Amino acid sequence: MNLDEAKEQFIQTWGTLGSNWGVNRTMAQIHALLMISPEAQSTEEIMEQLNISRGNTNMNIRELISWGLVHKELKPGERKEFFVAEKNIWEVAQCIIRERKRRELDPMRKGIENLSRVDGDRNDPKLKAYLEVVEEIKGIAEIADKVLSKFMVMEQTWFLKKVLKMFT
């Protein structure tokens, strides 16, 4: 496989992974392209390389910027906007986890908290069964929140040392 084929395969694979993780496929493909590009890319370059529309490109770049995965880069003498992706995979993982936590886990925890506020006789078997399930979900969500919060602030070297220690 030559470099162009490998790049195309990487972009397609990252796009598939992104869609499996609940991220728009095109957004993941743009992210992949920018991660493997040695220089910042303009909207037009992204459109051309991925064969996508301007609107689709702009919408997904804005989303990648909001996730903290991409940022604008100014080039002297150029009127176009250029974009570059975070290339440190540890930072990418932390950005993704932070955003997924904010968009998914935090609202779910709030919803579960509201669902646990039920009026009724606490001795009623139906209410007990309901509350047991809701409390179990709430407990798992709290554990997930703590784990993700810790992961977002830990350093890569510390984490890797701990993981390697588990396997030795």
C-alpha atoms as a PDB file:
ATOM      1  CA  MET A   1       0.000   0.000   0.000  1.00  0.00           C
ATOM      2  CA  ASN A   2       1.403   3.404  -0.920  1.00  0.00           C
ATOM      3  CA  LEU A   3       1.062   6.543   1.217  1.00  0.00           C
ATOM      4  CA  ASP A   4      -1.988   7.896  -0.635  1.00  0.00           C
ATOM      5  CA  GLU A   5      -3.798   4.573  -0.207  1.00  0.00           C
ATOM      6  CA  ALA A   6      -2.829   4.430   3.463  1.00  0.00           C
ATOM      7  CA  LYS A   7      -4.100   7.988   4.048  1.00  0.00           C
ATOM      8  CA  GLU A   8      -7.398   7.195   2.319  1.00  0.00           C
ATOM      9  CA  GLN A   9      -7.756   4.024   4.399  1.00  0.00           C
ATOM     10  CA  PHE A  10      -6.976   5.946   7.607  1.00  0.00           C
ATOM     11  CA  ILE A  11      -9.596   8.597   6.801  1.00  0.00           C
ATOM     12  CA  GLN A  12     -12.226   5.947   6.007  1.00  0.00           C
ATOM     13  CA  THR A  13     -11.379   3.920   9.121  1.00  0.00           C
ATOM     14  CA  TRP A  14     -11.468   6.983  11.409  1.00  0.00           C
ATOM     15  CA  GLY A  15     -14.808   7.935   9.842  1.00  0.00           C
ATOM     16  CA  THR A  16     -16.203   4.468  10.568  1.00  0.00           C
ATOM     17  CA  LEU A  17     -14.871   4.552  14.130  1.00  0.00           C
ATOM     18  CA  GLY A  18     -16.409   7.977  14.627  1.00  0.00           C
ATOM     19  CA  SER A  19     -19.813   6.820  13.437  1.00  0.00           C
ATOM     20  CA  ASN A  20     -19.545   3.777  15.734  1.00  0.00           C
ATOM     21  CA  TRP A  21     -18.881   6.155  18.630  1.00  0.00           C
ATOM     22  CA  GLY A  22     -21.876   8.312  17.759  1.00  0.00           C
ATOM     23  CA  VAL A  23     -19.986  11.009  15.855  1.00  0.00           C
ATOM     24  CA  ASN A  24     -20.944  12.152  12.373  1.00  0.00           C
ATOM     25  CA  ARG A  25     -18.890  10.165   9.818  1.00  0.00           C
ATOM     26  CA  THR A  26     -17.953  13.267   7.812  1.00  0.00           C
ATOM     27  CA  MET A  27     -16.883  15.080  10.972  1.00  0.00           C
ATOM     28  CA  ALA A  28     -14.592  12.154  11.841  1.00  0.00           C
ATOM     29  CA  GLN A  29     -13.197  12.045   8.293  1.00  0.00           C
ATOM     30  CA  ILE A  30     -12.384  15.770   8.358  1.00  0.00           C
ATOM     31  CA  HIS A  31     -10.725  15.260  11.724  1.00  0.00           C
ATOM     32  CA  ALA A  32      -8.692  12.348  10.342  1.00  0.00           C
ATOM     33  CA  LEU A  33      -7.605  14.365   7.302  1.00  0.00           C
ATOM     34  CA  LEU A  34      -6.484  17.268   9.469  1.00  0.00           C
ATOM     35  CA  MET A  35      -4.649  14.961  11.916  1.00  0.00           C
ATOM     36  CA  ILE A  36      -2.513  13.454   9.153  1.00  0.00           C
ATOM     37  CA  SER A  37      -1.963  16.696   7.229  1.00  0.00           C
ATOM     38  CA  PRO A  38       1.464  18.208   7.870  1.00  0.00           C
ATOM     39  CA  GLU A  39       0.109  21.708   7.185  1.00  0.00           C
ATOM     40  CA  ALA A  40      -3.111  23.539   8.005  1.00  0.00           C
ATOM     41  CA  GLN A  41      -5.845  22.985   5.410  1.00  0.00           C
ATOM     42  CA  SER A  42      -8.345  25.461   3.970  1.00  0.00           C
ATOM     43  CA  THR A  43     -12.033  24.722   3.600  1.00  0.00           C
ATOM     44  CA  GLU A  44     -11.515  24.334  -0.145  1.00  0.00           C
ATOM     45  CA  GLU A  45      -8.681  21.829   0.321  1.00  0.00           C
ATOM     46  CA  ILE A  46     -10.792  19.775   2.727  1.00  0.00           C
ATOM     47  CA  MET A  47     -13.766  19.867   0.339  1.00  0.00           C
ATOM     48  CA  GLU A  48     -11.610  18.735  -2.569  1.00  0.00           C
ATOM     49  CA  GLN A  49      -9.802  15.947  -0.727  1.00  0.00           C
ATOM     50  CA  LEU A  50     -12.965  14.478   0.807  1.00  0.00           C
ATOM     51  CA  ASN A  51     -15.319  15.335  -2.045  1.00  0.00           C
ATOM     52  CA  ILE A  52     -17.881  17.030   0.223  1.00  0.00           C
ATOM     53  CA  SER A  53     -19.898  20.239  -0.037  1.00  0.00           C
ATOM     54  CA  ARG A  54     -18.903  23.598   1.430  1.00  0.00           C
ATOM     55  CA  GLY A  55     -21.887  23.589   3.803  1.00  0.00           C
ATOM     56  CA  ASN A  56     -21.078  20.107   5.080  1.00  0.00           C
ATOM     57  CA  THR A  57     -17.424  21.050   5.493  1.00  0.00           C
ATOM     58  CA  ASN A  58     -18.160  24.305   7.327  1.00  0.00           C
ATOM     59  CA  MET A  59     -20.740  22.738   9.639  1.00  0.00           C
ATOM     60  CA  ASN A  60     -18.413  19.891  10.631  1.00  0.00           C
ATOM     61  CA  ILE A  61     -15.378  22.142  11.079  1.00  0.00           C
ATOM     62  CA  ARG A  62     -17.407  24.358  13.448  1.00  0.00           C
ATOM     63  CA  GLU A  63     -18.388  21.250  15.405  1.00  0.00           C
ATOM     64  CA  LEU A  64     -14.769  20.030  15.557  1.00  0.00           C
ATOM     65  CA  ILE A  65     -13.737  23.476  16.829  1.00  0.00           C
ATOM     66  CA  SER A  66     -16.448  23.346  19.509  1.00  0.00           C
ATOM     67  CA  TRP A  67     -15.112  19.948  20.612  1.00  0.00           C
ATOM     68  CA  GLY A  68     -11.605  21.434  20.928  1.00  0.00           C
ATOM     69  CA  LEU A  69     -10.220  19.022  18.330  1.00  0.00           C
ATOM     70  CA  VAL A  70      -9.511  21.603  15.607  1.00  0.00           C
ATOM     71  CA  HIS A  71      -8.520  25.236  15.650  1.00  0.00           C
ATOM     72  CA  LYS A  72      -8.093  27.998  13.095  1.00  0.00           C
ATOM     73  CA  GLU A  73      -4.671  29.010  11.963  1.00  0.00           C
ATOM     74  CA  LEU A  74      -3.982  32.336  10.300  1.00  0.00           C
ATOM     75  CA  LYS A  75      -1.481  32.579   7.474  1.00  0.00           C
ATOM     76  CA  PRO A  76       0.020  35.986   6.750  1.00  0.00           C
ATOM     77  CA  GLY A  77      -1.239  37.434   3.481  1.00  0.00           C
ATOM     78  CA  GLU A  78      -4.078  34.885   3.161  1.00  0.00           C
ATOM     79  CA  ARG A  79      -7.748  35.777   3.408  1.00  0.00           C
ATOM     80  CA  LYS A  80      -8.812  32.145   3.687  1.00  0.00           C
ATOM     81  CA  GLU A  81      -9.219  30.392   6.985  1.00  0.00           C
ATOM     82  CA  PHE A  82      -6.981  27.399   7.608  1.00  0.00           C
ATOM     83  CA  PHE A  83      -7.576  24.592  10.075  1.00  0.00           C
ATOM     84  CA  VAL A  84      -5.319  22.293  12.011  1.00  0.00           C
ATOM     85  CA  ALA A  85      -6.176  19.363  14.263  1.00  0.00           C
ATOM     86  CA  GLU A  86      -4.748  18.451  17.632  1.00  0.00           C
ATOM     87  CA  LYS A  87      -2.222  15.748  16.791  1.00  0.00           C
ATOM     88  CA  ASN A  88      -1.469  14.494  20.291  1.00  0.00           C
ATOM     89  CA  ILE A  89      -3.713  11.438  20.553  1.00  0.00           C
ATOM     90  CA  TRP A  90      -3.809  11.683  24.351  1.00  0.00           C
ATOM     91  CA  GLU A  91      -5.178  15.228  24.048  1.00  0.00           C
ATOM     92  CA  VAL A  92      -7.625  14.059  21.351  1.00  0.00           C
ATOM     93  CA  ALA A  93      -8.910  11.329  23.679  1.00  0.00           C
ATOM     94  CA  GLN A  94      -9.318  13.808  26.529  1.00  0.00           C
ATOM     95  CA  CYS A  95     -11.195  16.277  24.295  1.00  0.00           C
ATOM     96  CA  ILE A  96     -13.530  13.550  23.087  1.00  0.00           C
ATOM     97  CA  ILE A  97     -14.165  12.234  26.596  1.00  0.00           C
ATOM     98  CA  ARG A  98     -14.763  15.746  27.950  1.00  0.00           C
ATOM     99  CA  GLU A  99     -17.260  16.532  25.213  1.00  0.00           C
ATOM    100  CA  ARG A 100     -19.064  13.170  25.372  1.00  0.00           C
ATOM    101  CA  LYS A 101     -19.329  13.535  29.156  1.00  0.00           C
ATOM    102  CA  ARG A 102     -20.761  17.036  28.778  1.00  0.00           C
ATOM    103  CA  ARG A 103     -23.214  16.075  26.034  1.00  0.00           C
ATOM    104  CA  GLU A 104     -24.264  12.602  27.185  1.00  0.00           C
ATOM    105  CA  LEU A 105     -23.320  11.583  30.714  1.00  0.00           C
ATOM    106  CA  ASP A 106     -24.111  14.882  32.459  1.00  0.00           C
ATOM    107  CA  PRO A 107     -27.662  15.146  31.017  1.00  0.00           C
ATOM    108  CA  MET A 108     -28.250  11.450  31.707  1.00  0.00           C
ATOM    109  CA  ARG A 109     -27.209  11.895  35.348  1.00  0.00           C
ATOM    110  CA  LYS A 110     -29.556  14.856  35.679  1.00  0.00           C
ATOM    111  CA  GLY A 111     -32.401  12.858  34.125  1.00  0.00           C
ATOM    112  CA  ILE A 112     -31.790   9.858  36.382  1.00  0.00           C
ATOM    113  CA  GLU A 113     -31.723  12.154  39.411  1.00  0.00           C
ATOM    114  CA  ASN A 114     -35.142  13.501  38.411  1.00  0.00           C
ATOM    115  CA  LEU A 115     -36.463   9.980  37.849  1.00  0.00           C
ATOM    116  CA  SER A 116     -35.493   8.991  41.388  1.00  0.00           C
ATOM    117  CA  ARG A 117     -37.810  11.628  42.854  1.00  0.00           C
ATOM    118  CA  VAL A 118     -40.994   9.582  42.950  1.00  0.00           C
ATOM    119  CA  ASP A 119     -43.844  10.083  45.376  1.00  0.00           C
ATOM    120  CA  GLY A 120     -45.412   7.056  46.966  1.00  0.00           C
ATOM    121  CA  ASP A 121     -45.267   4.453  49.665  1.00  0.00           C
ATOM    122  CA  ARG A 122     -41.630   3.327  49.981  1.00  0.00           C
ATOM    123  CA  ASN A 123     -42.908  -0.095  51.071  1.00  0.00           C
ATOM    124  CA  ASP A 124     -44.801  -0.625  47.793  1.00  0.00           C
ATOM    125  CA  PRO A 125     -43.041  -3.518  45.963  1.00  0.00           C
ATOM    126  CA  LYS A 126     -43.539  -1.840  42.566  1.00  0.00           C
ATOM    127  CA  LEU A 127     -42.002   1.414  43.781  1.00  0.00           C
ATOM    128  CA  LYS A 128     -39.153  -0.481  45.462  1.00  0.00           C
ATOM    129  CA  ALA A 129     -38.391  -2.384  42.241  1.00  0.00           C
ATOM    130  CA  TYR A 130     -38.446   0.835  40.233  1.00  0.00           C
ATOM    131  CA  LEU A 131     -36.201   2.706  42.672  1.00  0.00           C
ATOM    132  CA  GLU A 132     -33.713  -0.191  42.843  1.00  0.00           C
ATOM    133  CA  VAL A 133     -33.163  -0.029  39.089  1.00  0.00           C
ATOM    134  CA  VAL A 134     -32.963   3.768  39.010  1.00  0.00           C
ATOM    135  CA  GLU A 135     -30.527   3.833  41.955  1.00  0.00           C
ATOM    136  CA  GLU A 136     -28.341   1.183  40.321  1.00  0.00           C
ATOM    137  CA  ILE A 137     -28.193   3.202  37.109  1.00  0.00           C
ATOM    138  CA  LYS A 138     -27.485   6.326  39.143  1.00  0.00           C
ATOM    139  CA  GLY A 139     -24.609   4.562  40.930  1.00  0.00           C
ATOM    140  CA  ILE A 140     -23.033   3.386  37.681  1.00  0.00           C
ATOM    141  CA  ALA A 141     -23.392   6.869  36.177  1.00  0.00           C
ATOM    142  CA  GLU A 142     -21.678   8.379  39.218  1.00  0.00           C
ATOM    143  CA  ILE A 143     -18.800   5.904  38.930  1.00  0.00           C
ATOM    144  CA  ALA A 144     -18.481   6.659  35.201  1.00  0.00           C
ATOM    145  CA  ASP A 145     -18.483  10.382  35.969  1.00  0.00           C
ATOM    146  CA  LYS A 146     -15.698   9.999  38.542  1.00  0.00           C
ATOM    147  CA  VAL A 147     -13.587   7.795  36.260  1.00  0.00           C
ATOM    148  CA  LEU A 148     -13.973  10.126  33.271  1.00  0.00           C
ATOM    149  CA  SER A 149     -13.289  13.200  35.404  1.00  0.00           C
ATOM    150  CA  LYS A 150     -10.071  11.612  36.687  1.00  0.00           C
ATOM    151  CA  PHE A 151      -9.040  10.557  33.175  1.00  0.00           C
ATOM    152  CA  MET A 152      -9.511  14.088  31.848  1.00  0.00           C
ATOM    153  CA  VAL A 153      -6.988  15.557  34.303  1.00  0.00           C
ATOM    154  CA  MET A 154      -4.384  12.806  34.498  1.00  0.00           C
ATOM    155  CA  GLU A 155      -1.139  12.926  32.644  1.00  0.00           C
ATOM    156  CA  GLN A 156      -0.408  10.452  29.887  1.00  0.00           C
ATOM    157  CA  THR A 157       2.795   9.101  31.446  1.00  0.00           C
ATOM    158  CA  TRP A 158       1.122   8.442  34.794  1.00  0.00           C
ATOM    159  CA  PHE A 159      -1.799   6.657  33.113  1.00  0.00           C
ATOM    160  CA  LEU A 160       0.434   4.519  30.907  1.00  0.00           C
ATOM    161  CA  LYS A 161       2.588   3.506  33.889  1.00  0.00           C
ATOM    162  CA  LYS A 162      -0.537   2.382  35.781  1.00  0.00           C
ATOM    163  CA  VAL A 163      -1.898   0.428  32.807  1.00  0.00           C
ATOM    164  CA  LEU A 164       1.445  -1.259  32.152  1.00  0.00           C
ATOM    165  CA  LYS A 165       1.722  -2.152  35.834  1.00  0.00           C
ATOM    166  CA  MET A 166      -1.628  -3.963  35.595  1.00  0.00           C
ATOM    167  CA  PHE A 167      -0.281  -6.198  32.815  1.00  0.00           C
ATOM    168  CA  THR A 168       3.114  -7.014  34.333  1.00  0.00           C
END
